[in-house]
Amino acid sequence: MNFYDWPHFLEQLHSGVRCLEWCQEYWDVFAVLRKQSLLGDAVSHASLPGVCLAFLFTNVKETEVLLFGALVTGVICIGLIQLIQKLYKKIKI
């Protein structure tokens, strides 16, 4: 990357981050209304080990492979959270 391309790169990066931020704000409203505001945090924290495990098992740095690892661990995380919520409701009653 040339030094003179750096301001253009920063403009693209800033606009991309702003778009993600605006989308996240709308999803957060629905998550709070459904009383699942921490579910997104749990899935995002669980996706990093999925990326690491996908790289360790395949030794490939392709985006599709790493995203698949994140998807698998995210789905497992959601399933475990729902299982814990169901068990908690049974114990609470």
C-alpha atoms as a PDB file:
ATOM      1  CA  MET A   1       0.000   0.000   0.000  1.00  0.00           C
ATOM      2  CA  ASN A   2       1.339   3.337  -1.006  1.00  0.00           C
ATOM      3  CA  PHE A   3       1.447   6.158   1.536  1.00  0.00           C
ATOM      4  CA  TYR A   4      -0.682   8.368  -0.708  1.00  0.00           C
ATOM      5  CA  ASP A   5      -3.471   5.762  -0.782  1.00  0.00           C
ATOM      6  CA  TRP A   6      -3.706   5.782   3.012  1.00  0.00           C
ATOM      7  CA  PRO A   7      -6.305   8.633   3.366  1.00  0.00           C
ATOM      8  CA  HIS A   8      -8.556   6.921   0.818  1.00  0.00           C
ATOM      9  CA  PHE A   9      -8.271   3.649   2.738  1.00  0.00           C
ATOM     10  CA  LEU A  10      -9.175   5.401   5.989  1.00  0.00           C
ATOM     11  CA  GLU A  11     -12.237   6.981   4.359  1.00  0.00           C
ATOM     12  CA  GLN A  12     -13.419   3.565   3.160  1.00  0.00           C
ATOM     13  CA  LEU A  13     -12.751   2.022   6.543  1.00  0.00           C
ATOM     14  CA  HIS A  14     -14.634   4.785   8.349  1.00  0.00           C
ATOM     15  CA  SER A  15     -17.666   4.554   6.062  1.00  0.00           C
ATOM     16  CA  GLY A  16     -17.781   0.768   6.440  1.00  0.00           C
ATOM     17  CA  VAL A  17     -17.617   0.972  10.212  1.00  0.00           C
ATOM     18  CA  ARG A  18     -20.372   3.598  10.258  1.00  0.00           C
ATOM     19  CA  CYS A  19     -22.639   1.375   8.143  1.00  0.00           C
ATOM     20  CA  LEU A  20     -22.071  -1.536  10.520  1.00  0.00           C
ATOM     21  CA  GLU A  21     -22.772   0.712  13.476  1.00  0.00           C
ATOM     22  CA  TRP A  22     -26.075   1.918  12.053  1.00  0.00           C
ATOM     23  CA  CYS A  23     -27.193  -1.630  11.303  1.00  0.00           C
ATOM     24  CA  GLN A  24     -26.207  -2.757  14.795  1.00  0.00           C
ATOM     25  CA  GLU A  25     -28.269  -0.020  16.418  1.00  0.00           C
ATOM     26  CA  TYR A  26     -31.460  -1.342  14.828  1.00  0.00           C
ATOM     27  CA  TRP A  27     -30.703  -4.941  15.798  1.00  0.00           C
ATOM     28  CA  ASP A  28     -29.974  -3.866  19.375  1.00  0.00           C
ATOM     29  CA  VAL A  29     -33.431  -2.313  19.717  1.00  0.00           C
ATOM     30  CA  PHE A  30     -35.092  -5.591  18.763  1.00  0.00           C
ATOM     31  CA  ALA A  31     -32.792  -7.573  21.045  1.00  0.00           C
ATOM     32  CA  VAL A  32     -33.633  -5.358  24.022  1.00  0.00           C
ATOM     33  CA  LEU A  33     -37.356  -5.593  23.290  1.00  0.00           C
ATOM     34  CA  ARG A  34     -37.131  -9.395  23.197  1.00  0.00           C
ATOM     35  CA  LYS A  35     -35.043  -9.410  26.410  1.00  0.00           C
ATOM     36  CA  GLN A  36     -32.065 -10.968  24.633  1.00  0.00           C
ATOM     37  CA  SER A  37     -29.682  -8.044  24.732  1.00  0.00           C
ATOM     38  CA  LEU A  38     -26.680 -10.088  25.872  1.00  0.00           C
ATOM     39  CA  LEU A  39     -27.200 -12.848  23.304  1.00  0.00           C
ATOM     40  CA  GLY A  40     -25.283 -10.918  20.653  1.00  0.00           C
ATOM     41  CA  ASP A  41     -22.354 -10.409  23.010  1.00  0.00           C
ATOM     42  CA  ALA A  42     -22.245 -14.097  23.842  1.00  0.00           C
ATOM     43  CA  VAL A  43     -22.334 -15.147  20.191  1.00  0.00           C
ATOM     44  CA  SER A  44     -19.688 -12.623  19.203  1.00  0.00           C
ATOM     45  CA  HIS A  45     -17.382 -13.825  21.958  1.00  0.00           C
ATOM     46  CA  ALA A  46     -18.039 -17.459  21.023  1.00  0.00           C
ATOM     47  CA  SER A  47     -17.259 -16.876  17.352  1.00  0.00           C
ATOM     48  CA  LEU A  48     -13.588 -16.048  17.929  1.00  0.00           C
ATOM     49  CA  PRO A  49     -12.715 -19.539  19.203  1.00  0.00           C
ATOM     50  CA  GLY A  50     -14.570 -20.892  16.170  1.00  0.00           C
ATOM     51  CA  VAL A  51     -12.330 -18.898  13.860  1.00  0.00           C
ATOM     52  CA  CYS A  52      -9.253 -20.119  15.727  1.00  0.00           C
ATOM     53  CA  LEU A  53     -10.386 -23.753  15.681  1.00  0.00           C
ATOM     54  CA  ALA A  54     -11.229 -23.579  11.982  1.00  0.00           C
ATOM     55  CA  PHE A  55      -7.736 -22.307  11.267  1.00  0.00           C
ATOM     56  CA  LEU A  56      -6.101 -24.898  13.495  1.00  0.00           C
ATOM     57  CA  PHE A  57      -7.992 -27.806  11.920  1.00  0.00           C
ATOM     58  CA  THR A  58      -7.673 -26.722   8.287  1.00  0.00           C
ATOM     59  CA  ASN A  59      -4.539 -24.522   8.320  1.00  0.00           C
ATOM     60  CA  VAL A  60      -6.242 -22.345   5.665  1.00  0.00           C
ATOM     61  CA  LYS A  61      -6.739 -18.574   5.895  1.00  0.00           C
ATOM     62  CA  GLU A  62      -9.693 -18.378   3.487  1.00  0.00           C
ATOM     63  CA  THR A  63     -12.573 -16.221   4.623  1.00  0.00           C
ATOM     64  CA  GLU A  64     -15.238 -18.850   3.932  1.00  0.00           C
ATOM     65  CA  VAL A  65     -13.537 -21.463   6.097  1.00  0.00           C
ATOM     66  CA  LEU A  66     -13.023 -19.079   9.001  1.00  0.00           C
ATOM     67  CA  LEU A  67     -16.600 -17.785   8.781  1.00  0.00           C
ATOM     68  CA  PHE A  68     -17.899 -21.339   8.780  1.00  0.00           C
ATOM     69  CA  GLY A  69     -15.998 -22.015  12.002  1.00  0.00           C
ATOM     70  CA  ALA A  70     -17.483 -18.870  13.541  1.00  0.00           C
ATOM     71  CA  LEU A  71     -20.958 -19.909  12.377  1.00  0.00           C
ATOM     72  CA  VAL A  72     -20.670 -23.364  13.901  1.00  0.00           C
ATOM     73  CA  THR A  73     -19.555 -22.117  17.295  1.00  0.00           C
ATOM     74  CA  GLY A  74     -22.150 -19.336  17.203  1.00  0.00           C
ATOM     75  CA  VAL A  75     -24.971 -21.813  16.571  1.00  0.00           C
ATOM     76  CA  ILE A  76     -23.658 -24.087  19.326  1.00  0.00           C
ATOM     77  CA  CYS A  77     -23.546 -21.087  21.665  1.00  0.00           C
ATOM     78  CA  ILE A  78     -27.146 -20.118  20.879  1.00  0.00           C
ATOM     79  CA  GLY A  79     -28.284 -23.705  21.406  1.00  0.00           C
ATOM     80  CA  LEU A  80     -26.548 -23.921  24.769  1.00  0.00           C
ATOM     81  CA  ILE A  81     -27.988 -20.594  25.883  1.00  0.00           C
ATOM     82  CA  GLN A  82     -31.513 -21.701  24.996  1.00  0.00           C
ATOM     83  CA  LEU A  83     -30.983 -25.028  26.762  1.00  0.00           C
ATOM     84  CA  ILE A  84     -29.794 -23.256  29.904  1.00  0.00           C
ATOM     85  CA  GLN A  85     -32.791 -20.897  29.761  1.00  0.00           C
ATOM     86  CA  LYS A  86     -35.217 -23.839  29.518  1.00  0.00           C
ATOM     87  CA  LEU A  87     -33.538 -25.673  32.393  1.00  0.00           C
ATOM     88  CA  TYR A  88     -33.553 -22.513  34.485  1.00  0.00           C
ATOM     89  CA  LYS A  89     -37.283 -22.036  33.922  1.00  0.00           C
ATOM     90  CA  LYS A  90     -37.961 -25.642  35.021  1.00  0.00           C
ATOM     91  CA  ILE A  91     -35.884 -25.205  38.167  1.00  0.00           C
ATOM     92  CA  LYS A  92     -37.434 -21.809  38.954  1.00  0.00           C
ATOM     93  CA  ILE A  93     -41.032 -23.121  38.920  1.00  0.00           C
END
